[in-house]
Amino acid sequence: MDSPFIESFNGKLRDGCLNDHWFLSLKHSKDIIENWRIEYNEVRPQSSLGDKTPYEFVKEHQSML
């Protein structure tokens, strides 16, 4: 275990994406993984943001300015 952060991410990528899809081509795999990346980074609630999505977090903090 070189890095617990990388190990954690690898597990999330495998559980949330790689185990669910059978890739038919390189383009297909890039499309699927990009969709997962967007979901993971932009759509899902994140505990570090108080269980808000990044969009909700930004909107909340913009209104405070």
PDB file of N, CA and C in Angstrom:
ATOM      1  N   MET A   1       0.838  -1.180   0.000  1.00  0.00           N
ATOM      2  CA  MET A   1       0.000   0.000   0.000  1.00  0.00           C
ATOM      3  C   MET A   1       0.883   1.242   0.000  1.00  0.00           C
ATOM      4  N   ASP A   2       1.139   1.770  -1.170  1.00  0.00           N
ATOM      5  CA  ASP A   2       1.986   2.953  -1.277  1.00  0.00           C
ATOM      6  C   ASP A   2       1.254   4.218  -0.849  1.00  0.00           C
ATOM      7  N   SER A   3       0.009   4.328  -1.234  1.00  0.00           N
ATOM      8  CA  SER A   3      -0.744   5.529  -0.901  1.00  0.00           C
ATOM      9  C   SER A   3      -2.200   5.160  -0.623  1.00  0.00           C
ATOM     10  N   PRO A   4      -2.659   5.403   0.584  1.00  0.00           N
ATOM     11  CA  PRO A   4      -4.052   5.053   0.891  1.00  0.00           C
ATOM     12  C   PRO A   4      -5.054   5.846   0.043  1.00  0.00           C
ATOM     13  N   PHE A   5      -4.689   7.057  -0.382  1.00  0.00           N
ATOM     14  CA  PHE A   5      -5.603   7.848  -1.208  1.00  0.00           C
ATOM     15  C   PHE A   5      -5.779   7.207  -2.583  1.00  0.00           C
ATOM     16  N   ILE A   6      -4.674   6.760  -3.181  1.00  0.00           N
ATOM     17  CA  ILE A   6      -4.740   6.108  -4.490  1.00  0.00           C
ATOM     18  C   ILE A   6      -5.470   4.779  -4.372  1.00  0.00           C
ATOM     19  N   GLU A   7      -5.177   4.021  -3.333  1.00  0.00           N
ATOM     20  CA  GLU A   7      -5.856   2.745  -3.131  1.00  0.00           C
ATOM     21  C   GLU A   7      -7.355   2.942  -2.971  1.00  0.00           C
ATOM     22  N   SER A   8      -7.750   3.977  -2.236  1.00  0.00           N
ATOM     23  CA  SER A   8      -9.164   4.270  -2.047  1.00  0.00           C
ATOM     24  C   SER A   8      -9.817   4.642  -3.375  1.00  0.00           C
ATOM     25  N   PHE A   9      -9.150   5.505  -4.141  1.00  0.00           N
ATOM     26  CA  PHE A   9      -9.693   5.900  -5.444  1.00  0.00           C
ATOM     27  C   PHE A   9      -9.803   4.699  -6.377  1.00  0.00           C
ATOM     28  N   ASN A  10      -8.774   3.872  -6.413  1.00  0.00           N
ATOM     29  CA  ASN A  10      -8.811   2.691  -7.284  1.00  0.00           C
ATOM     30  C   ASN A  10      -9.996   1.797  -6.934  1.00  0.00           C
ATOM     31  N   GLY A  11     -10.273   1.632  -5.656  1.00  0.00           N
ATOM     32  CA  GLY A  11     -11.421   0.821  -5.243  1.00  0.00           C
ATOM     33  C   GLY A  11     -12.736   1.445  -5.678  1.00  0.00           C
ATOM     34  N   LYS A  12     -12.838   2.764  -5.565  1.00  0.00           N
ATOM     35  CA  LYS A  12     -14.068   3.446  -5.987  1.00  0.00           C
ATOM     36  C   LYS A  12     -14.253   3.359  -7.494  1.00  0.00           C
ATOM     37  N   LEU A  13     -13.167   3.529  -8.248  1.00  0.00           N
ATOM     38  CA  LEU A  13     -13.241   3.409  -9.706  1.00  0.00           C
ATOM     39  C   LEU A  13     -13.651   1.991 -10.099  1.00  0.00           C
ATOM     40  N   ARG A  14     -13.055   1.005  -9.465  1.00  0.00           N
ATOM     41  CA  ARG A  14     -13.387  -0.385  -9.793  1.00  0.00           C
ATOM     42  C   ARG A  14     -14.840  -0.685  -9.424  1.00  0.00           C
ATOM     43  N   ASP A  15     -15.260  -0.330  -8.214  1.00  0.00           N
ATOM     44  CA  ASP A  15     -16.621  -0.633  -7.766  1.00  0.00           C
ATOM     45  C   ASP A  15     -17.673   0.173  -8.517  1.00  0.00           C
ATOM     46  N   GLY A  16     -17.377   1.426  -8.815  1.00  0.00           N
ATOM     47  CA  GLY A  16     -18.380   2.295  -9.416  1.00  0.00           C
ATOM     48  C   GLY A  16     -18.424   2.285 -10.921  1.00  0.00           C
ATOM     49  N   CYS A  17     -17.382   1.741 -11.549  1.00  0.00           N
ATOM     50  CA  CYS A  17     -17.334   1.828 -13.010  1.00  0.00           C
ATOM     51  C   CYS A  17     -16.840   0.532 -13.662  1.00  0.00           C
ATOM     52  N   LEU A  18     -15.629   0.134 -13.348  1.00  0.00           N
ATOM     53  CA  LEU A  18     -15.001  -0.951 -14.087  1.00  0.00           C
ATOM     54  C   LEU A  18     -15.718  -2.289 -13.932  1.00  0.00           C
ATOM     55  N   ASN A  19     -16.232  -2.582 -12.746  1.00  0.00           N
ATOM     56  CA  ASN A  19     -16.933  -3.852 -12.540  1.00  0.00           C
ATOM     57  C   ASN A  19     -18.293  -3.895 -13.233  1.00  0.00           C
ATOM     58  N   ASP A  20     -18.825  -2.729 -13.588  1.00  0.00           N
ATOM     59  CA  ASP A  20     -20.175  -2.657 -14.157  1.00  0.00           C
ATOM     60  C   ASP A  20     -20.210  -2.651 -15.679  1.00  0.00           C
ATOM     61  N   HIS A  21     -19.070  -2.507 -16.324  1.00  0.00           N
ATOM     62  CA  HIS A  21     -19.061  -2.322 -17.776  1.00  0.00           C
ATOM     63  C   HIS A  21     -18.126  -3.302 -18.469  1.00  0.00           C
ATOM     64  N   TRP A  22     -18.526  -3.691 -19.663  1.00  0.00           N
ATOM     65  CA  TRP A  22     -17.704  -4.485 -20.557  1.00  0.00           C
ATOM     66  C   TRP A  22     -17.340  -3.562 -21.701  1.00  0.00           C
ATOM     67  N   PHE A  23     -16.087  -3.181 -21.791  1.00  0.00           N
ATOM     68  CA  PHE A  23     -15.659  -2.205 -22.790  1.00  0.00           C
ATOM     69  C   PHE A  23     -15.464  -2.871 -24.139  1.00  0.00           C
ATOM     70  N   LEU A  24     -16.076  -2.288 -25.159  1.00  0.00           N
ATOM     71  CA  LEU A  24     -16.051  -2.863 -26.498  1.00  0.00           C
ATOM     72  C   LEU A  24     -14.957  -2.270 -27.373  1.00  0.00           C
ATOM     73  N   SER A  25     -14.457  -1.111 -27.004  1.00  0.00           N
ATOM     74  CA  SER A  25     -13.385  -0.453 -27.757  1.00  0.00           C
ATOM     75  C   SER A  25     -12.726   0.582 -26.850  1.00  0.00           C
ATOM     76  N   LEU A  26     -11.623   1.131 -27.309  1.00  0.00           N
ATOM     77  CA  LEU A  26     -10.945   2.164 -26.542  1.00  0.00           C
ATOM     78  C   LEU A  26     -11.839   3.391 -26.412  1.00  0.00           C
ATOM     79  N   LYS A  27     -12.498   3.787 -27.498  1.00  0.00           N
ATOM     80  CA  LYS A  27     -13.401   4.942 -27.451  1.00  0.00           C
ATOM     81  C   LYS A  27     -14.537   4.700 -26.470  1.00  0.00           C
ATOM     82  N   HIS A  28     -15.121   3.507 -26.502  1.00  0.00           N
ATOM     83  CA  HIS A  28     -16.205   3.165 -25.586  1.00  0.00           C
ATOM     84  C   HIS A  28     -15.730   3.271 -24.138  1.00  0.00           C
ATOM     85  N   SER A  29     -14.541   2.751 -23.852  1.00  0.00           N
ATOM     86  CA  SER A  29     -14.019   2.814 -22.485  1.00  0.00           C
ATOM     87  C   SER A  29     -13.771   4.260 -22.064  1.00  0.00           C
ATOM     88  N   LYS A  30     -13.234   5.085 -22.961  1.00  0.00           N
ATOM     89  CA  LYS A  30     -13.001   6.497 -22.636  1.00  0.00           C
ATOM     90  C   LYS A  30     -14.317   7.213 -22.338  1.00  0.00           C
ATOM     91  N   ASP A  31     -15.349   6.932 -23.129  1.00  0.00           N
ATOM     92  CA  ASP A  31     -16.656   7.561 -22.915  1.00  0.00           C
ATOM     93  C   ASP A  31     -17.253   7.160 -21.573  1.00  0.00           C
ATOM     94  N   ILE A  32     -17.218   5.881 -21.264  1.00  0.00           N
ATOM     95  CA  ILE A  32     -17.782   5.372 -20.006  1.00  0.00           C
ATOM     96  C   ILE A  32     -17.026   5.953 -18.810  1.00  0.00           C
ATOM     97  N   ILE A  33     -15.706   5.929 -18.879  1.00  0.00           N
ATOM     98  CA  ILE A  33     -14.896   6.413 -17.758  1.00  0.00           C
ATOM     99  C   ILE A  33     -15.056   7.920 -17.604  1.00  0.00           C
ATOM    100  N   GLU A  34     -15.161   8.669 -18.705  1.00  0.00           N
ATOM    101  CA  GLU A  34     -15.374  10.111 -18.615  1.00  0.00           C
ATOM    102  C   GLU A  34     -16.716  10.417 -17.971  1.00  0.00           C
ATOM    103  N   ASN A  35     -17.756   9.691 -18.337  1.00  0.00           N
ATOM    104  CA  ASN A  35     -19.069   9.878 -17.705  1.00  0.00           C
ATOM    105  C   ASN A  35     -18.997   9.588 -16.211  1.00  0.00           C
ATOM    106  N   TRP A  36     -18.284   8.540 -15.836  1.00  0.00           N
ATOM    107  CA  TRP A  36     -18.120   8.214 -14.422  1.00  0.00           C
ATOM    108  C   TRP A  36     -17.346   9.319 -13.707  1.00  0.00           C
ATOM    109  N   ARG A  37     -16.288   9.845 -14.341  1.00  0.00           N
ATOM    110  CA  ARG A  37     -15.477  10.904 -13.749  1.00  0.00           C
ATOM    111  C   ARG A  37     -16.319  12.154 -13.472  1.00  0.00           C
ATOM    112  N   ILE A  38     -17.160  12.516 -14.422  1.00  0.00           N
ATOM    113  CA  ILE A  38     -18.034  13.672 -14.236  1.00  0.00           C
ATOM    114  C   ILE A  38     -18.990  13.423 -13.080  1.00  0.00           C
ATOM    115  N   GLU A  39     -19.589  12.252 -13.042  1.00  0.00           N
ATOM    116  CA  GLU A  39     -20.495  11.894 -11.941  1.00  0.00           C
ATOM    117  C   GLU A  39     -19.753  11.951 -10.598  1.00  0.00           C
ATOM    118  N   TYR A  40     -18.584  11.349 -10.552  1.00  0.00           N
ATOM    119  CA  TYR A  40     -17.802  11.260  -9.319  1.00  0.00           C
ATOM    120  C   TYR A  40     -17.374  12.641  -8.816  1.00  0.00           C
ATOM    121  N   ASN A  41     -16.931  13.499  -9.724  1.00  0.00           N
ATOM    122  CA  ASN A  41     -16.377  14.799  -9.332  1.00  0.00           C
ATOM    123  C   ASN A  41     -17.395  15.926  -9.248  1.00  0.00           C
ATOM    124  N   GLU A  42     -18.479  15.844 -10.005  1.00  0.00           N
ATOM    125  CA  GLU A  42     -19.368  16.990 -10.122  1.00  0.00           C
ATOM    126  C   GLU A  42     -20.794  16.763  -9.652  1.00  0.00           C
ATOM    127  N   VAL A  43     -21.250  15.533  -9.643  1.00  0.00           N
ATOM    128  CA  VAL A  43     -22.667  15.272  -9.386  1.00  0.00           C
ATOM    129  C   VAL A  43     -22.917  14.647  -8.015  1.00  0.00           C
ATOM    130  N   ARG A  44     -22.081  13.721  -7.611  1.00  0.00           N
ATOM    131  CA  ARG A  44     -22.341  13.005  -6.351  1.00  0.00           C
ATOM    132  C   ARG A  44     -22.058  13.904  -5.151  1.00  0.00           C
ATOM    133  N   PRO A  45     -22.837  13.778  -4.095  1.00  0.00           N
ATOM    134  CA  PRO A  45     -22.549  14.526  -2.864  1.00  0.00           C
ATOM    135  C   PRO A  45     -21.195  14.082  -2.297  1.00  0.00           C
ATOM    136  N   GLN A  46     -20.463  15.032  -1.753  1.00  0.00           N
ATOM    137  CA  GLN A  46     -19.141  14.742  -1.212  1.00  0.00           C
ATOM    138  C   GLN A  46     -19.099  15.088   0.262  1.00  0.00           C
ATOM    139  N   SER A  47     -18.617  14.166   1.053  1.00  0.00           N
ATOM    140  CA  SER A  47     -18.589  14.373   2.502  1.00  0.00           C
ATOM    141  C   SER A  47     -17.719  15.571   2.881  1.00  0.00           C
ATOM    142  N   SER A  48     -16.674  15.840   2.121  1.00  0.00           N
ATOM    143  CA  SER A  48     -15.802  16.975   2.426  1.00  0.00           C
ATOM    144  C   SER A  48     -16.498  18.316   2.198  1.00  0.00           C
ATOM    145  N   LEU A  49     -17.636  18.301   1.495  1.00  0.00           N
ATOM    146  CA  LEU A  49     -18.405  19.522   1.237  1.00  0.00           C
ATOM    147  C   LEU A  49     -19.710  19.522   2.024  1.00  0.00           C
ATOM    148  N   GLY A  50     -19.743  18.788   3.108  1.00  0.00           N
ATOM    149  CA  GLY A  50     -20.949  18.724   3.923  1.00  0.00           C
ATOM    150  C   GLY A  50     -22.071  17.947   3.249  1.00  0.00           C
ATOM    151  N   ASP A  51     -21.713  16.899   2.526  1.00  0.00           N
ATOM    152  CA  ASP A  51     -22.656  16.055   1.782  1.00  0.00           C
ATOM    153  C   ASP A  51     -23.456  16.842   0.751  1.00  0.00           C
ATOM    154  N   LYS A  52     -22.819  17.845   0.173  1.00  0.00           N
ATOM    155  CA  LYS A  52     -23.405  18.605  -0.929  1.00  0.00           C
ATOM    156  C   LYS A  52     -22.655  18.245  -2.208  1.00  0.00           C
ATOM    157  N   THR A  53     -23.308  18.449  -3.352  1.00  0.00           N
ATOM    158  CA  THR A  53     -22.593  18.311  -4.608  1.00  0.00           C
ATOM    159  C   THR A  53     -21.705  19.537  -4.775  1.00  0.00           C
ATOM    160  N   PRO A  54     -20.665  19.460  -5.579  1.00  0.00           N
ATOM    161  CA  PRO A  54     -19.844  20.656  -5.809  1.00  0.00           C
ATOM    162  C   PRO A  54     -20.676  21.834  -6.320  1.00  0.00           C
ATOM    163  N   TYR A  55     -21.644  21.572  -7.168  1.00  0.00           N
ATOM    164  CA  TYR A  55     -22.515  22.635  -7.681  1.00  0.00           C
ATOM    165  C   TYR A  55     -23.289  23.303  -6.541  1.00  0.00           C
ATOM    166  N   GLU A  56     -23.871  22.509  -5.666  1.00  0.00           N
ATOM    167  CA  GLU A  56     -24.616  23.060  -4.532  1.00  0.00           C
ATOM    168  C   GLU A  56     -23.701  23.868  -3.618  1.00  0.00           C
ATOM    169  N   PHE A  57     -22.508  23.352  -3.381  1.00  0.00           N
ATOM    170  CA  PHE A  57     -21.544  24.021  -2.511  1.00  0.00           C
ATOM    171  C   PHE A  57     -21.160  25.385  -3.078  1.00  0.00           C
ATOM    172  N   VAL A  58     -20.847  25.440  -4.374  1.00  0.00           N
ATOM    173  CA  VAL A  58     -20.466  26.706  -5.011  1.00  0.00           C
ATOM    174  C   VAL A  58     -21.621  27.689  -4.980  1.00  0.00           C
ATOM    175  N   LYS A  59     -22.822  27.232  -5.329  1.00  0.00           N
ATOM    176  CA  LYS A  59     -23.992  28.113  -5.315  1.00  0.00           C
ATOM    177  C   LYS A  59     -24.238  28.686  -3.925  1.00  0.00           C
ATOM    178  N   GLU A  60     -24.128  27.861  -2.918  1.00  0.00           N
ATOM    179  CA  GLU A  60     -24.345  28.301  -1.537  1.00  0.00           C
ATOM    180  C   GLU A  60     -23.333  29.380  -1.142  1.00  0.00           C
ATOM    181  N   HIS A  61     -22.087  29.183  -1.523  1.00  0.00           N
ATOM    182  CA  HIS A  61     -21.041  30.115  -1.127  1.00  0.00           C
ATOM    183  C   HIS A  61     -21.011  31.372  -2.008  1.00  0.00           C
ATOM    184  N   GLN A  62     -21.502  31.292  -3.217  1.00  0.00           N
ATOM    185  CA  GLN A  62     -21.603  32.492  -4.050  1.00  0.00           C
ATOM    186  C   GLN A  62     -22.665  33.440  -3.495  1.00  0.00           C
ATOM    187  N   SER A  63     -23.713  32.884  -2.949  1.00  0.00           N
ATOM    188  CA  SER A  63     -24.780  33.722  -2.401  1.00  0.00           C
ATOM    189  C   SER A  63     -24.351  34.457  -1.132  1.00  0.00           C
ATOM    190  N   MET A  64     -23.263  33.984  -0.511  1.00  0.00           N
ATOM    191  CA  MET A  64     -22.751  34.627   0.703  1.00  0.00           C
ATOM    192  C   MET A  64     -21.887  35.845   0.395  1.00  0.00           C
ATOM    193  N   LEU A  65     -21.473  35.983  -0.859  1.00  0.00           N
ATOM    194  CA  LEU A  65     -20.579  37.104  -1.212  1.00  0.00           C
ATOM    195  C   LEU A  65     -21.312  38.401  -1.383  1.00  0.00           C
TER     196      LEU A  65
END
